[in-house]
Amino acid sequence: MTDDAQNTTRRRRWPTVTALAVSAPVLAFAAFLAVVRIGGLDDGTVLALPIVVLPYVALATLVVLALLLALRCWRTGALALLLVVLQLWWIVPRLVSDSVPAAAPRLRVATSNAYLGQVSPKSLVDLVREQRVDVLAVEELSTSAADALDRAGIRELLPHREKPAGTDTALYSRLPITSAADPAWPTTNITVDLAGHPVQLVAVHTYYPLGDARRWAEGLHDLRKAAPGRTRDAVLLGDFNATLDHSPMRDLIATGLADTAADLGHGLAPTWPEDNADFPYLPPLIQIDHVLHGPALTAVAISEHTLPRSDHRAVVAELALR
């Protein structure tokens, strides 16, 4: 072979070699995350951290697949295709609305992480007023922040509340609380009457996996243990510190709950971290604030809202009785 022919061959091979070098780490990480998700290896382990980027890795895998097919790297492309199919099987249902709006009594709920009590009380009260919220769950609510909400006018809009001593979660309600909290739930809960139908609302705030993955998983496990027999008329809302790819979260939903955002094709809307002093210029990247509902309710609408001095977006959801 002449030198010119060898040089031509090298030039032709260079894009393929480069593509394989770029593709290899992406596919290896995608395969690793697939094994973690399928095996539930994130349950109570540090593997709960990388699993949050699975949707982004799925997008990267799709790009790699297109590149490999363009360069006719068939064998590596087949592996990429397998991973893409698996990822799309997990993710696409969250992007397709399968909720049927019902001409029935509606319940508007909201959840907001107060970020250690730093959230703007006026902005939160304004959100409740503008969005006509019936029940509000607040996490990381300090005593001083609760007092600030009172001064901002929360009592006029939502006069009924439940905030057990020693907890950082609270539920504020426009509807009267009809029964005492159910001690089976490990966190703040109330029951309200919606057009003659009891609806139980549970405020959720689990520990964060970066701080203690085992403690984080135990919080979700405790909710799952309480859920059987209690989910039909229930709404669980708050900061779960978990995405829909986390194994403990999927186990909780499997007890008979549905994620409102996923029901409405909004299942990848990120809620954390919000742009504030601790996360300047950083857009929300992952969806860890959720509204879960039981089969007696159906999803109607959902939206995310920025509140000053909170590191989470508030989530507002509208549900209807079936």
Protein backbone atom coordinates (compact mmCIF):
# COMPACT_ATOMS: atom_id res chain seq x y z
CA MET A 1 0.00 0.00 0.00
CA THR A 2 1.37 3.41 -0.93
CA ASP A 3 1.88 6.18 1.59
CA ASP A 4 -0.98 8.14 0.03
CA ALA A 5 -3.30 5.17 0.38
CA GLN A 6 -2.26 4.64 4.01
CA ASN A 7 -2.86 8.31 4.79
CA THR A 8 -6.28 8.15 3.16
CA THR A 9 -7.16 5.07 5.21
CA ARG A 10 -6.09 6.80 8.42
CA ARG A 11 -8.17 9.86 7.58
CA ARG A 12 -11.19 7.65 6.99
CA ARG A 13 -10.69 5.77 10.23
CA TRP A 14 -10.13 8.88 12.35
CA PRO A 15 -13.82 9.86 12.68
CA THR A 16 -14.74 6.29 13.62
CA VAL A 17 -11.99 6.01 16.24
CA THR A 18 -12.94 9.40 17.65
CA ALA A 19 -16.63 8.47 17.77
CA LEU A 20 -15.87 5.22 19.57
CA ALA A 21 -13.63 7.02 22.07
CA VAL A 22 -16.39 9.51 22.82
CA SER A 23 -19.15 6.92 22.84
CA ALA A 24 -17.47 4.39 25.12
CA PRO A 25 -17.73 6.36 28.42
CA VAL A 26 -21.28 7.48 27.65
CA LEU A 27 -22.45 3.95 26.92
CA ALA A 28 -20.56 2.53 29.89
CA PHE A 29 -22.21 5.04 32.25
CA ALA A 30 -25.62 4.47 30.68
CA ALA A 31 -25.23 0.71 31.12
CA PHE A 32 -24.11 1.23 34.72
CA LEU A 33 -27.20 3.33 35.50
CA ALA A 34 -29.42 0.74 33.84
CA VAL A 35 -28.00 -1.98 36.09
CA VAL A 36 -28.46 0.24 39.16
CA ARG A 37 -32.08 1.01 38.26
CA ILE A 38 -33.05 -2.53 37.34
CA GLY A 39 -31.39 -3.97 40.43
CA GLY A 40 -32.61 -1.25 42.82
CA LEU A 41 -29.00 -0.78 43.89
CA ASP A 42 -29.65 2.86 44.80
CA ASP A 43 -31.87 1.86 47.74
CA GLY A 44 -30.04 3.23 50.78
CA THR A 45 -26.68 3.57 49.01
CA VAL A 46 -24.58 6.33 47.46
CA LEU A 47 -25.81 5.10 44.07
CA ALA A 48 -28.90 7.19 44.78
CA LEU A 49 -26.83 10.18 43.65
CA PRO A 50 -25.87 9.25 40.05
CA ILE A 51 -29.31 7.83 39.27
CA VAL A 52 -30.76 11.37 39.27
CA VAL A 53 -29.03 12.14 35.95
CA LEU A 54 -30.54 9.17 34.12
CA PRO A 55 -32.76 11.34 31.86
CA TYR A 56 -29.75 13.41 30.81
CA VAL A 57 -27.72 10.27 30.15
CA ALA A 58 -30.62 8.96 28.05
CA LEU A 59 -30.41 12.08 25.90
CA ALA A 60 -26.64 11.66 25.55
CA THR A 61 -27.12 8.00 24.59
CA LEU A 62 -29.56 9.02 21.87
CA VAL A 63 -26.98 11.43 20.43
CA VAL A 64 -24.32 8.72 20.56
CA LEU A 65 -26.65 6.30 18.78
CA ALA A 66 -27.20 8.77 15.94
CA LEU A 67 -23.45 9.33 15.64
CA LEU A 68 -22.62 5.61 15.58
CA LEU A 69 -25.26 4.85 12.97
CA ALA A 70 -24.03 7.73 10.80
CA LEU A 71 -20.52 6.26 10.91
CA ARG A 72 -21.84 2.70 10.39
CA CYS A 73 -20.47 1.40 13.67
CA TRP A 74 -23.07 -1.32 13.73
CA ARG A 75 -21.99 -3.42 16.71
CA THR A 76 -21.51 -0.51 19.09
CA GLY A 77 -24.63 1.08 17.61
CA ALA A 78 -26.62 -2.04 18.51
CA LEU A 79 -25.58 -1.65 22.16
CA ALA A 80 -26.54 2.02 22.09
CA LEU A 81 -29.90 1.13 20.55
CA LEU A 82 -30.60 -1.40 23.28
CA LEU A 83 -29.86 1.19 25.96
CA VAL A 84 -31.97 3.85 24.21
CA VAL A 85 -34.96 1.50 23.98
CA LEU A 86 -34.65 0.66 27.67
CA GLN A 87 -34.34 4.33 28.67
CA LEU A 88 -37.26 5.40 26.51
CA TRP A 89 -39.39 2.64 28.06
CA TRP A 90 -38.74 4.24 31.44
CA ILE A 91 -39.00 7.90 30.46
CA VAL A 92 -41.55 8.28 27.65
CA PRO A 93 -44.60 7.42 29.82
CA ARG A 94 -43.80 10.48 31.95
CA LEU A 95 -44.06 12.68 28.87
CA VAL A 96 -47.44 11.38 27.69
CA SER A 97 -50.60 12.66 29.34
CA ASP A 98 -53.02 9.88 30.26
CA SER A 99 -55.20 11.78 32.69
CA VAL A 100 -58.90 12.26 31.91
CA PRO A 101 -60.26 15.56 33.32
CA ALA A 102 -63.39 14.91 35.32
CA ALA A 103 -66.41 17.15 35.75
CA ALA A 104 -66.25 16.64 39.49
CA PRO A 105 -65.29 18.51 42.66
CA ARG A 106 -61.73 19.87 42.42
CA LEU A 107 -58.97 20.18 44.99
CA ARG A 108 -56.04 22.53 44.44
CA VAL A 109 -52.92 21.69 46.45
CA ALA A 110 -49.44 23.16 46.63
CA THR A 111 -46.11 22.27 48.15
CA SER A 112 -43.21 24.58 48.93
CA ASN A 113 -39.86 23.97 50.59
CA ALA A 114 -39.27 27.02 52.81
CA TYR A 115 -35.48 26.49 52.66
CA LEU A 116 -34.87 26.54 56.42
CA GLY A 117 -37.53 29.20 56.79
CA GLN A 118 -35.92 31.62 54.35
CA VAL A 119 -38.65 31.65 51.69
CA SER A 120 -40.37 34.99 51.16
CA PRO A 121 -43.59 34.73 53.21
CA LYS A 122 -45.35 37.37 51.11
CA SER A 123 -44.53 35.52 47.89
CA LEU A 124 -45.82 32.24 49.30
CA VAL A 125 -49.05 33.85 50.49
CA ASP A 126 -49.43 35.57 47.10
CA LEU A 127 -49.02 32.19 45.39
CA VAL A 128 -51.75 30.68 47.56
CA ARG A 129 -54.06 33.57 46.72
CA GLU A 130 -53.34 33.71 42.99
CA GLN A 131 -53.51 29.95 42.50
CA ARG A 132 -56.60 29.54 44.70
CA VAL A 133 -54.87 26.85 46.74
CA ASP A 134 -57.08 24.76 49.05
CA VAL A 135 -54.30 22.92 50.91
CA LEU A 136 -50.65 23.95 51.23
CA ALA A 137 -47.78 21.75 52.44
CA VAL A 138 -44.65 23.54 53.62
CA GLU A 139 -41.35 21.82 54.37
CA GLU A 140 -38.36 23.13 56.33
CA LEU A 141 -40.74 25.49 58.11
CA SER A 142 -39.27 27.03 61.25
CA THR A 143 -41.34 28.59 64.02
CA SER A 144 -40.22 32.07 63.01
CA ALA A 145 -41.13 31.36 59.37
CA ALA A 146 -44.58 30.13 60.44
CA ASP A 147 -45.05 33.37 62.39
CA ALA A 148 -43.96 35.35 59.32
CA LEU A 149 -46.55 33.52 57.21
CA ASP A 150 -49.22 34.49 59.74
CA ARG A 151 -48.18 38.13 59.54
CA ALA A 152 -48.26 37.91 55.73
CA GLY A 153 -51.91 36.78 55.85
CA ILE A 154 -51.87 33.00 55.49
CA ARG A 155 -54.57 32.57 58.15
CA GLU A 156 -57.06 34.61 56.16
CA LEU A 157 -56.67 32.31 53.17
CA LEU A 158 -56.01 28.97 54.88
CA PRO A 159 -57.34 29.17 58.44
CA HIS A 160 -56.89 25.51 59.39
CA ARG A 161 -53.48 23.96 60.03
CA GLU A 162 -51.56 21.00 61.34
CA LYS A 163 -47.95 21.38 62.48
CA PRO A 164 -46.93 18.75 65.02
CA ALA A 165 -44.27 19.73 67.52
CA GLY A 166 -40.79 18.64 66.58
CA THR A 167 -41.48 18.48 62.84
CA ASP A 168 -40.45 20.84 60.05
CA THR A 169 -43.56 20.18 57.93
CA ALA A 170 -46.96 21.85 58.12
CA LEU A 171 -50.28 21.63 56.32
CA TYR A 172 -52.48 24.71 55.86
CA SER A 173 -56.04 24.22 54.65
CA ARG A 174 -58.98 26.31 53.48
CA LEU A 175 -61.21 23.28 54.09
CA PRO A 176 -61.96 22.29 57.69
CA ILE A 177 -59.95 19.39 59.09
CA THR A 178 -62.49 16.63 59.70
CA SER A 179 -60.51 14.10 61.73
CA ALA A 180 -57.39 13.73 63.81
CA ALA A 181 -54.10 12.90 62.16
CA ASP A 182 -53.59 9.23 61.31
CA PRO A 183 -50.64 8.05 63.46
CA ALA A 184 -49.82 5.35 60.90
CA TRP A 185 -48.34 7.95 58.58
CA PRO A 186 -44.82 8.88 59.72
CA THR A 187 -45.30 12.56 58.94
CA THR A 188 -47.78 15.44 59.16
CA ASN A 189 -51.24 14.58 57.79
CA ILE A 190 -54.81 15.81 57.83
CA THR A 191 -58.18 14.72 56.46
CA VAL A 192 -60.49 17.24 54.80
CA ASP A 193 -63.97 16.97 53.34
CA LEU A 194 -64.25 17.54 49.59
CA ALA A 195 -67.91 17.63 48.60
CA GLY A 196 -68.76 14.95 51.12
CA HIS A 197 -65.71 12.83 50.27
CA PRO A 198 -62.83 12.51 52.78
CA VAL A 199 -59.39 13.21 51.34
CA GLN A 200 -56.26 12.56 53.38
CA LEU A 201 -53.25 14.81 52.75
CA VAL A 202 -49.76 13.84 53.85
CA ALA A 203 -46.89 16.34 53.89
CA VAL A 204 -43.61 14.68 52.93
CA HIS A 205 -40.04 15.74 53.60
CA THR A 206 -37.48 12.95 53.49
CA TYR A 207 -33.82 13.33 54.34
CA TYR A 208 -31.51 14.02 51.42
CA PRO A 209 -29.42 11.11 50.04
CA LEU A 210 -26.23 13.16 49.85
CA GLY A 211 -26.38 13.61 53.63
CA ASP A 212 -27.28 10.03 54.54
CA ALA A 213 -28.54 7.66 51.85
CA ARG A 214 -29.70 5.04 54.34
CA ARG A 215 -31.73 7.56 56.33
CA TRP A 216 -33.20 8.91 53.08
CA ALA A 217 -34.31 5.45 51.99
CA GLU A 218 -35.77 4.66 55.41
CA GLY A 219 -37.97 7.75 55.18
CA LEU A 220 -39.45 6.52 51.90
CA HIS A 221 -39.71 2.97 53.26
CA ASP A 222 -41.73 4.26 56.23
CA LEU A 223 -44.18 5.94 53.86
CA ARG A 224 -44.46 2.74 51.82
CA LYS A 225 -45.17 0.68 54.95
CA ALA A 226 -47.97 3.04 55.96
CA ALA A 227 -49.49 3.26 52.48
CA PRO A 228 -51.31 -0.10 52.03
CA GLY A 229 -55.03 0.44 52.64
CA ARG A 230 -54.59 4.22 52.92
CA THR A 231 -53.79 5.39 49.40
CA ARG A 232 -57.20 5.38 47.69
CA ASP A 233 -58.26 8.80 48.98
CA ALA A 234 -54.77 10.09 49.74
CA VAL A 235 -52.57 12.88 48.43
CA LEU A 236 -48.89 12.78 49.37
CA LEU A 237 -47.09 15.99 48.53
CA GLY A 238 -43.82 17.64 49.35
CA ASP A 239 -40.07 17.36 48.99
CA PHE A 240 -39.39 13.65 48.50
CA ASN A 241 -35.71 14.23 47.65
CA ALA A 242 -36.25 11.51 45.05
CA THR A 243 -36.88 11.28 41.33
CA LEU A 244 -39.14 8.80 39.59
CA ASP A 245 -36.05 6.69 38.84
CA HIS A 246 -35.20 6.04 42.48
CA SER A 247 -36.09 2.56 43.65
CA PRO A 248 -37.68 3.54 47.02
CA MET A 249 -39.82 6.15 45.25
CA ARG A 250 -41.00 3.62 42.67
CA ASP A 251 -41.84 1.18 45.48
CA LEU A 252 -43.93 3.86 47.20
CA ILE A 253 -45.84 4.66 44.01
CA ALA A 254 -46.44 0.95 43.44
CA THR A 255 -48.64 0.85 46.56
CA GLY A 256 -51.44 2.41 44.49
CA LEU A 257 -50.32 5.99 43.98
CA ALA A 258 -49.76 7.99 40.82
CA ASP A 259 -47.45 10.93 40.19
CA THR A 260 -49.55 13.91 39.10
CA ALA A 261 -46.82 15.40 36.89
CA ALA A 262 -46.26 12.09 35.09
CA ASP A 263 -50.02 11.68 34.67
CA LEU A 264 -50.08 14.98 32.79
CA GLY A 265 -46.99 14.36 30.65
CA HIS A 266 -45.00 16.72 32.84
CA GLY A 267 -42.83 14.09 34.46
CA LEU A 268 -39.45 15.65 33.76
CA ALA A 269 -40.19 19.19 35.00
CA PRO A 270 -37.25 20.01 37.32
CA THR A 271 -37.89 21.59 40.72
CA TRP A 272 -34.40 21.75 42.28
CA PRO A 273 -32.06 23.57 42.68
CA GLU A 274 -33.64 26.96 42.21
CA ASP A 275 -31.56 30.04 41.46
CA ASN A 276 -30.78 31.74 44.79
CA ALA A 277 -27.82 32.85 46.89
CA ASP A 278 -26.57 29.26 47.30
CA PHE A 279 -27.14 28.29 43.66
CA PRO A 280 -26.57 31.49 41.66
CA TYR A 281 -27.45 31.27 37.97
CA LEU A 282 -28.05 27.52 38.22
CA PRO A 283 -31.34 26.40 36.66
CA PRO A 284 -33.40 23.60 38.23
CA LEU A 285 -32.07 20.24 37.06
CA ILE A 286 -34.00 17.43 38.77
CA GLN A 287 -37.59 16.77 39.80
CA ILE A 288 -37.73 15.91 43.50
CA ASP A 289 -40.90 17.76 44.59
CA HIS A 290 -44.00 15.70 43.83
CA VAL A 291 -47.75 15.43 44.27
CA LEU A 292 -48.84 11.80 44.46
CA HIS A 293 -52.51 10.86 44.48
CA GLY A 294 -54.58 7.75 45.01
CA PRO A 295 -57.05 6.15 42.56
CA ALA A 296 -60.05 8.07 43.95
CA LEU A 297 -58.56 11.21 42.43
CA THR A 298 -57.41 12.15 38.96
CA ALA A 299 -54.89 14.75 37.79
CA VAL A 300 -56.20 17.89 36.12
CA ALA A 301 -53.33 20.41 36.08
CA ILE A 302 -49.85 21.02 37.47
CA SER A 303 -47.38 23.90 37.41
CA GLU A 304 -44.09 24.98 38.98
CA HIS A 305 -43.45 28.41 40.49
CA THR A 306 -40.34 30.31 41.56
CA LEU A 307 -40.42 31.81 45.06
CA PRO A 308 -37.73 34.23 46.28
CA ARG A 309 -35.17 32.78 48.70
CA SER A 310 -36.21 29.15 48.26
CA ASP A 311 -33.96 26.55 46.64
CA HIS A 312 -37.01 24.62 45.36
CA ARG A 313 -39.73 25.54 42.94
CA ALA A 314 -43.17 25.39 44.47
CA VAL A 315 -45.53 22.91 42.82
CA VAL A 316 -49.26 23.57 42.41
CA ALA A 317 -51.57 20.74 41.33
CA GLU A 318 -55.27 20.45 40.69
CA LEU A 319 -56.98 17.14 41.33
CA ALA A 320 -60.57 15.99 40.77
CA LEU A 321 -62.62 13.29 42.38
CA ARG A 322 -63.31 10.38 40.06
